[in-house]
Amino acid sequence: MLPFLSGFILAVILVVPSLVLFYRRYRTRLHSSDARPQRRFEELAKLTGGLAHEIKNPLSTIKVNLKLIAEEAPPAHQDSPRWLRKIAVVQKETDRLAQILDDFLRYIGKSELQTNPVDLNELVSEMADFYTPQARTNNVTIRLGLSDVPLVCKIDRDMVKQLILNLFINAVQAMPSGGELIIRTRMSGRNALIEISDTGCGIEPDKIDKIFDAYYTSKSGGSGLGLPTAQKIAIAHNGSIGVDSQPGKGTSFTVSLPLGDD
């Protein structure tokens, strides 16, 4: 049973990047054609998203069955460290696969914005409070510096929260031995800026142009979709993400979003 499950999980882990590659290549081809690209984008997202859902659906059943296997195994197996270790490995990989599929579905998701006026100071403060316990478990201290004036933008609150969370996760992954996560907001002309900096290992100059490519990652445990998804959300809001990094000192991401509540 366990070898079969392990093989299934490995096969799906190999399939998902292929889905992303297919999606990106097809999208590029549509950009170069004049054949109603928006409609075809939607068809492509529906196709690949449906396939991802079909892959994801059995995972819940697998997780339940793993639990039953562990509970109903013969006493000799229940007391076997090797058996328990195998169960734990498959459970961990199942959880990781579910996360990969969730990240993929967010990445290809249609960017339909439900916008409302939001003060970014309030939103960033809320996300910092939310993420503080997780940061502490990774020996990371959060430093927060908010603008003295409200920074009201018309945004999709949930999507921008996801953008910020992805950048928090990316920063903490860059500091495996702990460090500081520094979060600032400020105004720049007609834009609001969110600056998220870490004191981690930094990014090598020859790699910095690749960090927004789907499935590019240099971090253990990273899905390679966090930064591309964050960039996609920023662009959907007519904004942008910039990056500045010094190897050995840390990295800073700057999110720029248009100010205004209309």
C-alpha atoms as a PDB file:
ATOM      1  CA  MET A   1       0.000   0.000   0.000  1.00  0.00           C
ATOM      2  CA  LEU A   2       2.692   2.502   1.004  1.00  0.00           C
ATOM      3  CA  PRO A   3       4.839   1.990  -2.135  1.00  0.00           C
ATOM      4  CA  PHE A   4       1.736   2.600  -4.264  1.00  0.00           C
ATOM      5  CA  LEU A   5       0.906   5.825  -2.402  1.00  0.00           C
ATOM      6  CA  SER A   6       4.493   7.013  -2.602  1.00  0.00           C
ATOM      7  CA  GLY A   7       4.514   6.348  -6.337  1.00  0.00           C
ATOM      8  CA  PHE A   8       1.245   8.231  -6.794  1.00  0.00           C
ATOM      9  CA  ILE A   9       2.537  11.242  -4.882  1.00  0.00           C
ATOM     10  CA  LEU A  10       5.823  11.285  -6.805  1.00  0.00           C
ATOM     11  CA  ALA A  11       3.970  11.084 -10.117  1.00  0.00           C
ATOM     12  CA  VAL A  12       1.755  14.045  -9.234  1.00  0.00           C
ATOM     13  CA  ILE A  13       4.692  16.121  -8.000  1.00  0.00           C
ATOM     14  CA  LEU A  14       6.266  15.586 -11.427  1.00  0.00           C
ATOM     15  CA  VAL A  15       3.022  16.348 -13.280  1.00  0.00           C
ATOM     16  CA  VAL A  16       2.236  19.723 -11.659  1.00  0.00           C
ATOM     17  CA  PRO A  17       5.352  21.557 -12.955  1.00  0.00           C
ATOM     18  CA  SER A  18       4.514  20.179 -16.400  1.00  0.00           C
ATOM     19  CA  LEU A  19       1.068  21.748 -16.108  1.00  0.00           C
ATOM     20  CA  VAL A  20       2.630  25.115 -15.287  1.00  0.00           C
ATOM     21  CA  LEU A  21       5.090  24.833 -18.188  1.00  0.00           C
ATOM     22  CA  PHE A  22       2.268  23.943 -20.564  1.00  0.00           C
ATOM     23  CA  TYR A  23       0.179  26.843 -19.231  1.00  0.00           C
ATOM     24  CA  ARG A  24       2.985  29.387 -19.631  1.00  0.00           C
ATOM     25  CA  ARG A  25       4.007  28.233 -23.130  1.00  0.00           C
ATOM     26  CA  TYR A  26       0.425  28.239 -24.359  1.00  0.00           C
ATOM     27  CA  ARG A  27      -0.153  31.675 -22.840  1.00  0.00           C
ATOM     28  CA  THR A  28       2.953  33.003 -24.635  1.00  0.00           C
ATOM     29  CA  ARG A  29       1.690  31.628 -27.942  1.00  0.00           C
ATOM     30  CA  LEU A  30      -1.650  33.343 -27.406  1.00  0.00           C
ATOM     31  CA  HIS A  31       0.086  36.653 -26.794  1.00  0.00           C
ATOM     32  CA  SER A  32       1.674  36.382 -30.241  1.00  0.00           C
ATOM     33  CA  SER A  33      -1.628  35.612 -31.982  1.00  0.00           C
ATOM     34  CA  ASP A  34      -4.734  37.688 -32.597  1.00  0.00           C
ATOM     35  CA  ALA A  35      -7.268  34.935 -31.947  1.00  0.00           C
ATOM     36  CA  ARG A  36      -9.286  36.151 -28.967  1.00  0.00           C
ATOM     37  CA  PRO A  37      -6.577  35.529 -26.348  1.00  0.00           C
ATOM     38  CA  GLN A  38      -8.717  36.374 -23.319  1.00  0.00           C
ATOM     39  CA  ARG A  39     -11.264  33.678 -24.101  1.00  0.00           C
ATOM     40  CA  ARG A  40      -8.513  31.127 -24.681  1.00  0.00           C
ATOM     41  CA  PHE A  41      -6.771  32.145 -21.446  1.00  0.00           C
ATOM     42  CA  GLU A  42      -9.985  31.350 -19.614  1.00  0.00           C
ATOM     43  CA  GLU A  43     -10.334  28.002 -21.378  1.00  0.00           C
ATOM     44  CA  LEU A  44      -6.726  27.118 -20.577  1.00  0.00           C
ATOM     45  CA  ALA A  45      -7.055  28.093 -16.915  1.00  0.00           C
ATOM     46  CA  LYS A  46     -10.259  26.067 -16.685  1.00  0.00           C
ATOM     47  CA  LEU A  47      -8.603  23.029 -18.277  1.00  0.00           C
ATOM     48  CA  THR A  48      -5.454  23.015 -16.151  1.00  0.00           C
ATOM     49  CA  GLY A  49      -7.344  24.042 -13.020  1.00  0.00           C
ATOM     50  CA  GLY A  50      -9.840  21.227 -13.513  1.00  0.00           C
ATOM     51  CA  LEU A  51      -7.018  18.722 -13.910  1.00  0.00           C
ATOM     52  CA  ALA A  52      -5.348  20.023 -10.749  1.00  0.00           C
ATOM     53  CA  HIS A  53      -8.624  19.655  -8.849  1.00  0.00           C
ATOM     54  CA  GLU A  54      -8.997  16.088 -10.114  1.00  0.00           C
ATOM     55  CA  ILE A  55      -5.508  15.323  -8.831  1.00  0.00           C
ATOM     56  CA  LYS A  56      -6.199  17.039  -5.519  1.00  0.00           C
ATOM     57  CA  ASN A  57      -9.497  15.309  -4.775  1.00  0.00           C
ATOM     58  CA  PRO A  58      -7.981  11.869  -3.968  1.00  0.00           C
ATOM     59  CA  LEU A  59      -5.564  13.420  -1.478  1.00  0.00           C
ATOM     60  CA  SER A  60      -8.197  13.729   1.243  1.00  0.00           C
ATOM     61  CA  THR A  61      -9.046  10.059   0.812  1.00  0.00           C
ATOM     62  CA  ILE A  62      -5.366   9.124   0.911  1.00  0.00           C
ATOM     63  CA  LYS A  63      -4.842  11.116   4.124  1.00  0.00           C
ATOM     64  CA  VAL A  64      -7.833   9.441   5.783  1.00  0.00           C
ATOM     65  CA  ASN A  65      -6.632   5.999   4.712  1.00  0.00           C
ATOM     66  CA  LEU A  66      -3.130   6.680   5.994  1.00  0.00           C
ATOM     67  CA  LYS A  67      -4.608   7.499   9.374  1.00  0.00           C
ATOM     68  CA  LEU A  68      -6.655   4.294   9.323  1.00  0.00           C
ATOM     69  CA  ILE A  69      -3.610   2.255   8.291  1.00  0.00           C
ATOM     70  CA  ALA A  70      -1.673   3.668  11.226  1.00  0.00           C
ATOM     71  CA  GLU A  71      -4.530   2.997  13.658  1.00  0.00           C
ATOM     72  CA  GLU A  72      -5.507  -0.465  12.409  1.00  0.00           C
ATOM     73  CA  ALA A  73      -2.064  -1.889  11.732  1.00  0.00           C
ATOM     74  CA  PRO A  74      -1.108  -5.084  13.578  1.00  0.00           C
ATOM     75  CA  PRO A  75       0.509  -4.451  16.978  1.00  0.00           C
ATOM     76  CA  ALA A  76       3.881  -5.530  15.613  1.00  0.00           C
ATOM     77  CA  HIS A  77       3.711  -2.760  13.019  1.00  0.00           C
ATOM     78  CA  GLN A  78       2.390  -0.147  15.438  1.00  0.00           C
ATOM     79  CA  ASP A  79       5.462  -0.656  17.613  1.00  0.00           C
ATOM     80  CA  SER A  80       7.857  -0.621  14.670  1.00  0.00           C
ATOM     81  CA  PRO A  81       9.804   2.660  14.283  1.00  0.00           C
ATOM     82  CA  ARG A  82      10.436   1.808  10.629  1.00  0.00           C
ATOM     83  CA  TRP A  83       6.717   1.366   9.912  1.00  0.00           C
ATOM     84  CA  LEU A  84       5.767   4.567  11.726  1.00  0.00           C
ATOM     85  CA  ARG A  85       8.514   6.439   9.908  1.00  0.00           C
ATOM     86  CA  LYS A  86       7.169   5.285   6.530  1.00  0.00           C
ATOM     87  CA  ILE A  87       3.663   6.423   7.457  1.00  0.00           C
ATOM     88  CA  ALA A  88       4.982   9.807   8.603  1.00  0.00           C
ATOM     89  CA  VAL A  89       6.971  10.302   5.382  1.00  0.00           C
ATOM     90  CA  VAL A  90       3.960   9.600   3.161  1.00  0.00           C
ATOM     91  CA  GLN A  91       1.736  11.851   5.303  1.00  0.00           C
ATOM     92  CA  LYS A  92       4.274  14.670   5.025  1.00  0.00           C
ATOM     93  CA  GLU A  93       4.550  14.275   1.249  1.00  0.00           C
ATOM     94  CA  THR A  94       0.756  14.203   0.930  1.00  0.00           C
ATOM     95  CA  ASP A  95       0.519  17.507   2.801  1.00  0.00           C
ATOM     96  CA  ARG A  96       3.279  18.970   0.627  1.00  0.00           C
ATOM     97  CA  LEU A  97       1.505  17.868  -2.529  1.00  0.00           C
ATOM     98  CA  ALA A  98      -1.732  19.497  -1.361  1.00  0.00           C
ATOM     99  CA  GLN A  99       0.192  22.741  -0.814  1.00  0.00           C
ATOM    100  CA  ILE A 100       1.774  22.523  -4.274  1.00  0.00           C
ATOM    101  CA  LEU A 101      -1.649  22.109  -5.857  1.00  0.00           C
ATOM    102  CA  ASP A 102      -3.101  24.998  -3.834  1.00  0.00           C
ATOM    103  CA  ASP A 103      -0.227  27.226  -4.960  1.00  0.00           C
ATOM    104  CA  PHE A 104      -0.731  26.148  -8.570  1.00  0.00           C
ATOM    105  CA  LEU A 105      -4.466  26.892  -8.466  1.00  0.00           C
ATOM    106  CA  ARG A 106      -3.784  30.345  -7.028  1.00  0.00           C
ATOM    107  CA  TYR A 107      -1.169  30.993  -9.712  1.00  0.00           C
ATOM    108  CA  ILE A 108      -3.459  30.196 -12.648  1.00  0.00           C
ATOM    109  CA  GLY A 109      -6.559  31.648 -11.000  1.00  0.00           C
ATOM    110  CA  LYS A 110      -8.502  34.314 -12.822  1.00  0.00           C
ATOM    111  CA  SER A 111      -7.688  37.754 -11.418  1.00  0.00           C
ATOM    112  CA  GLU A 112     -11.218  39.067 -10.902  1.00  0.00           C
ATOM    113  CA  LEU A 113     -10.790  41.848  -8.370  1.00  0.00           C
ATOM    114  CA  GLN A 114     -13.382  42.646  -5.716  1.00  0.00           C
ATOM    115  CA  THR A 115     -12.052  46.073  -4.848  1.00  0.00           C
ATOM    116  CA  ASN A 116     -12.793  48.404  -1.959  1.00  0.00           C
ATOM    117  CA  PRO A 117     -10.914  51.334  -0.385  1.00  0.00           C
ATOM    118  CA  VAL A 118      -8.410  49.930   2.131  1.00  0.00           C
ATOM    119  CA  ASP A 119      -5.790  51.661   4.272  1.00  0.00           C
ATOM    120  CA  LEU A 120      -2.605  49.698   3.605  1.00  0.00           C
ATOM    121  CA  ASN A 121      -1.240  50.689   7.021  1.00  0.00           C
ATOM    122  CA  GLU A 122      -4.128  48.853   8.639  1.00  0.00           C
ATOM    123  CA  LEU A 123      -3.827  45.848   6.336  1.00  0.00           C
ATOM    124  CA  VAL A 124      -0.059  45.503   6.764  1.00  0.00           C
ATOM    125  CA  SER A 125      -0.371  45.826  10.553  1.00  0.00           C
ATOM    126  CA  GLU A 126      -3.045  43.116  10.553  1.00  0.00           C
ATOM    127  CA  MET A 127      -0.854  40.776   8.511  1.00  0.00           C
ATOM    128  CA  ALA A 128       2.180  41.449  10.721  1.00  0.00           C
ATOM    129  CA  ASP A 129       0.147  40.520  13.820  1.00  0.00           C
ATOM    130  CA  PHE A 130      -1.146  37.407  12.072  1.00  0.00           C
ATOM    131  CA  TYR A 131       2.320  36.241  11.023  1.00  0.00           C
ATOM    132  CA  THR A 132       4.207  37.086  14.228  1.00  0.00           C
ATOM    133  CA  PRO A 133       3.674  33.657  15.905  1.00  0.00           C
ATOM    134  CA  GLN A 134       4.974  31.844  12.812  1.00  0.00           C
ATOM    135  CA  ALA A 135       7.951  34.189  12.604  1.00  0.00           C
ATOM    136  CA  ARG A 136       8.813  33.540  16.238  1.00  0.00           C
ATOM    137  CA  THR A 137       8.851  29.786  15.701  1.00  0.00           C
ATOM    138  CA  ASN A 138      11.548  30.445  13.082  1.00  0.00           C
ATOM    139  CA  ASN A 139      13.559  32.774  15.367  1.00  0.00           C
ATOM    140  CA  VAL A 140      12.587  35.774  13.242  1.00  0.00           C
ATOM    141  CA  THR A 141      11.764  39.145  14.806  1.00  0.00           C
ATOM    142  CA  ILE A 142       9.288  41.404  13.009  1.00  0.00           C
ATOM    143  CA  ARG A 143      10.052  45.139  12.863  1.00  0.00           C
ATOM    144  CA  LEU A 144       7.140  47.313  11.747  1.00  0.00           C
ATOM    145  CA  GLY A 145       7.363  50.908  10.562  1.00  0.00           C
ATOM    146  CA  LEU A 146       4.156  52.413   9.182  1.00  0.00           C
ATOM    147  CA  SER A 147       3.565  55.646   7.317  1.00  0.00           C
ATOM    148  CA  ASP A 148       2.365  58.574   9.441  1.00  0.00           C
ATOM    149  CA  VAL A 149      -0.460  59.201   6.982  1.00  0.00           C
ATOM    150  CA  PRO A 150      -3.158  56.790   5.755  1.00  0.00           C
ATOM    151  CA  LEU A 151      -2.339  55.007   2.506  1.00  0.00           C
ATOM    152  CA  VAL A 152      -5.754  54.322   1.001  1.00  0.00           C
ATOM    153  CA  CYS A 153      -5.817  52.179  -2.135  1.00  0.00           C
ATOM    154  CA  LYS A 154      -8.701  50.562  -3.959  1.00  0.00           C
ATOM    155  CA  ILE A 155      -7.724  46.906  -3.779  1.00  0.00           C
ATOM    156  CA  ASP A 156      -8.989  43.378  -3.440  1.00  0.00           C
ATOM    157  CA  ARG A 157      -8.267  42.937   0.260  1.00  0.00           C
ATOM    158  CA  ASP A 158      -7.940  39.149   0.236  1.00  0.00           C
ATOM    159  CA  MET A 159      -5.659  39.108  -2.797  1.00  0.00           C
ATOM    160  CA  VAL A 160      -3.304  41.745  -1.398  1.00  0.00           C
ATOM    161  CA  LYS A 161      -3.237  39.864   1.909  1.00  0.00           C
ATOM    162  CA  GLN A 162      -2.091  36.813  -0.062  1.00  0.00           C
ATOM    163  CA  LEU A 163       0.569  38.925  -1.786  1.00  0.00           C
ATOM    164  CA  ILE A 164       1.905  40.170   1.563  1.00  0.00           C
ATOM    165  CA  LEU A 165       1.788  36.693   3.101  1.00  0.00           C
ATOM    166  CA  ASN A 166       3.744  35.236   0.180  1.00  0.00           C
ATOM    167  CA  LEU A 167       6.461  37.855   0.684  1.00  0.00           C
ATOM    168  CA  PHE A 168       6.553  37.161   4.438  1.00  0.00           C
ATOM    169  CA  ILE A 169       6.961  33.435   3.803  1.00  0.00           C
ATOM    170  CA  ASN A 170       9.658  34.071   1.209  1.00  0.00           C
ATOM    171  CA  ALA A 171      11.561  36.305   3.640  1.00  0.00           C
ATOM    172  CA  VAL A 172      11.442  33.809   6.501  1.00  0.00           C
ATOM    173  CA  GLN A 173      12.562  30.975   4.219  1.00  0.00           C
ATOM    174  CA  ALA A 174      15.597  33.113   3.362  1.00  0.00           C
ATOM    175  CA  MET A 175      16.567  33.196   7.066  1.00  0.00           C
ATOM    176  CA  PRO A 176      16.875  29.533   8.157  1.00  0.00           C
ATOM    177  CA  SER A 177      18.953  30.563  11.181  1.00  0.00           C
ATOM    178  CA  GLY A 178      16.645  33.417  12.155  1.00  0.00           C
ATOM    179  CA  GLY A 179      16.929  37.148  11.665  1.00  0.00           C
ATOM    180  CA  GLU A 180      14.747  40.209  11.202  1.00  0.00           C
ATOM    181  CA  LEU A 181      11.715  40.745   8.982  1.00  0.00           C
ATOM    182  CA  ILE A 182      11.441  44.501   8.458  1.00  0.00           C
ATOM    183  CA  ILE A 183       8.137  45.866   7.145  1.00  0.00           C
ATOM    184  CA  ARG A 184       7.618  49.500   6.176  1.00  0.00           C
ATOM    185  CA  THR A 185       4.959  51.512   4.386  1.00  0.00           C
ATOM    186  CA  ARG A 186       5.322  54.943   2.798  1.00  0.00           C
ATOM    187  CA  MET A 187       3.988  57.233   0.109  1.00  0.00           C
ATOM    188  CA  SER A 188       5.832  57.886  -3.134  1.00  0.00           C
ATOM    189  CA  GLY A 189       4.090  60.303  -5.464  1.00  0.00           C
ATOM    190  CA  ARG A 190       0.717  58.820  -6.344  1.00  0.00           C
ATOM    191  CA  ASN A 191       1.660  55.362  -5.121  1.00  0.00           C
ATOM    192  CA  ALA A 192       1.704  53.562  -1.795  1.00  0.00           C
ATOM    193  CA  LEU A 193       4.762  51.430  -1.129  1.00  0.00           C
ATOM    194  CA  ILE A 194       5.076  48.320   1.028  1.00  0.00           C
ATOM    195  CA  GLU A 195       8.696  47.390   1.696  1.00  0.00           C
ATOM    196  CA  ILE A 196       9.392  43.899   3.040  1.00  0.00           C
ATOM    197  CA  SER A 197      13.041  43.234   3.884  1.00  0.00           C
ATOM    198  CA  ASP A 198      14.941  40.347   5.423  1.00  0.00           C
ATOM    199  CA  THR A 199      18.413  39.906   6.872  1.00  0.00           C
ATOM    200  CA  GLY A 200      18.942  36.599   5.105  1.00  0.00           C
ATOM    201  CA  CYS A 201      21.410  35.241   2.609  1.00  0.00           C
ATOM    202  CA  GLY A 202      20.465  37.540  -0.261  1.00  0.00           C
ATOM    203  CA  ILE A 203      20.151  36.656  -3.944  1.00  0.00           C
ATOM    204  CA  GLU A 204      23.066  36.254  -6.328  1.00  0.00           C
ATOM    205  CA  PRO A 205      23.049  38.766  -9.228  1.00  0.00           C
ATOM    206  CA  ASP A 206      22.815  36.006 -11.849  1.00  0.00           C
ATOM    207  CA  LYS A 207      19.664  34.626 -10.202  1.00  0.00           C
ATOM    208  CA  ILE A 208      17.709  37.771  -9.444  1.00  0.00           C
ATOM    209  CA  ASP A 209      16.091  37.919 -12.905  1.00  0.00           C
ATOM    210  CA  LYS A 210      14.665  34.414 -12.415  1.00  0.00           C
ATOM    211  CA  ILE A 211      12.898  34.796  -9.067  1.00  0.00           C
ATOM    212  CA  PHE A 212       9.513  35.648 -10.596  1.00  0.00           C
ATOM    213  CA  ASP A 213       9.624  32.637 -12.941  1.00  0.00           C
ATOM    214  CA  ALA A 214       7.160  29.908 -12.031  1.00  0.00           C
ATOM    215  CA  TYR A 215       8.769  27.003 -10.174  1.00  0.00           C
ATOM    216  CA  TYR A 216      12.142  28.690  -9.881  1.00  0.00           C
ATOM    217  CA  THR A 217      13.319  28.373  -6.281  1.00  0.00           C
ATOM    218  CA  SER A 218      16.613  28.029  -4.466  1.00  0.00           C
ATOM    219  CA  LYS A 219      14.989  27.315  -1.101  1.00  0.00           C
ATOM    220  CA  SER A 220      14.358  23.921   0.440  1.00  0.00           C
ATOM    221  CA  GLY A 221      10.622  23.384   0.775  1.00  0.00           C
ATOM    222  CA  GLY A 222       9.654  26.291  -1.471  1.00  0.00           C
ATOM    223  CA  SER A 223       7.006  25.717  -4.136  1.00  0.00           C
ATOM    224  CA  GLY A 224       8.445  28.229  -6.599  1.00  0.00           C
ATOM    225  CA  LEU A 225       5.040  29.882  -7.048  1.00  0.00           C
ATOM    226  CA  GLY A 226       4.923  32.333  -4.136  1.00  0.00           C
ATOM    227  CA  LEU A 227       6.738  35.198  -5.855  1.00  0.00           C
ATOM    228  CA  PRO A 228       5.122  34.708  -9.307  1.00  0.00           C
ATOM    229  CA  THR A 229       1.700  34.745  -7.634  1.00  0.00           C
ATOM    230  CA  ALA A 230       2.596  37.893  -5.672  1.00  0.00           C
ATOM    231  CA  GLN A 231       3.732  39.596  -8.877  1.00  0.00           C
ATOM    232  CA  LYS A 232       0.558  38.555 -10.679  1.00  0.00           C
ATOM    233  CA  ILE A 233      -1.579  40.085  -7.909  1.00  0.00           C
ATOM    234  CA  ALA A 234       0.387  43.348  -7.984  1.00  0.00           C
ATOM    235  CA  ILE A 235       0.067  43.640 -11.767  1.00  0.00           C
ATOM    236  CA  ALA A 236      -3.680  42.935 -11.557  1.00  0.00           C
ATOM    237  CA  HIS A 237      -3.908  46.048  -9.341  1.00  0.00           C
ATOM    238  CA  ASN A 238      -1.913  48.137 -11.863  1.00  0.00           C
ATOM    239  CA  GLY A 239       1.013  47.928  -9.472  1.00  0.00           C
ATOM    240  CA  SER A 240       4.430  46.318  -9.441  1.00  0.00           C
ATOM    241  CA  ILE A 241       7.017  44.533  -7.313  1.00  0.00           C
ATOM    242  CA  GLY A 242      10.667  45.515  -7.314  1.00  0.00           C
ATOM    243  CA  VAL A 243      13.553  43.714  -5.653  1.00  0.00           C
ATOM    244  CA  ASP A 244      16.930  44.792  -4.320  1.00  0.00           C
ATOM    245  CA  SER A 245      19.343  42.285  -2.838  1.00  0.00           C
ATOM    246  CA  GLN A 246      22.851  42.132  -1.435  1.00  0.00           C
ATOM    247  CA  PRO A 247      24.341  38.631  -1.178  1.00  0.00           C
ATOM    248  CA  GLY A 248      25.162  37.855   2.428  1.00  0.00           C
ATOM    249  CA  LYS A 249      23.150  40.802   3.772  1.00  0.00           C
ATOM    250  CA  GLY A 250      19.531  40.376   2.747  1.00  0.00           C
ATOM    251  CA  THR A 251      16.784  41.171   0.279  1.00  0.00           C
ATOM    252  CA  SER A 252      14.120  43.853   0.048  1.00  0.00           C
ATOM    253  CA  PHE A 253      10.910  43.638  -1.985  1.00  0.00           C
ATOM    254  CA  THR A 254       8.968  46.822  -2.704  1.00  0.00           C
ATOM    255  CA  VAL A 255       5.305  46.581  -3.665  1.00  0.00           C
ATOM    256  CA  SER A 256       3.899  49.670  -5.380  1.00  0.00           C
ATOM    257  CA  LEU A 257       0.120  50.180  -5.568  1.00  0.00           C
ATOM    258  CA  PRO A 258      -1.794  53.208  -6.896  1.00  0.00           C
ATOM    259  CA  LEU A 259      -3.265  55.482  -4.239  1.00  0.00           C
ATOM    260  CA  GLY A 260      -6.926  56.424  -4.449  1.00  0.00           C
ATOM    261  CA  ASP A 261     -10.337  55.230  -3.323  1.00  0.00           C
ATOM    262  CA  ASP A 262     -12.267  55.669  -6.562  1.00  0.00           C
END
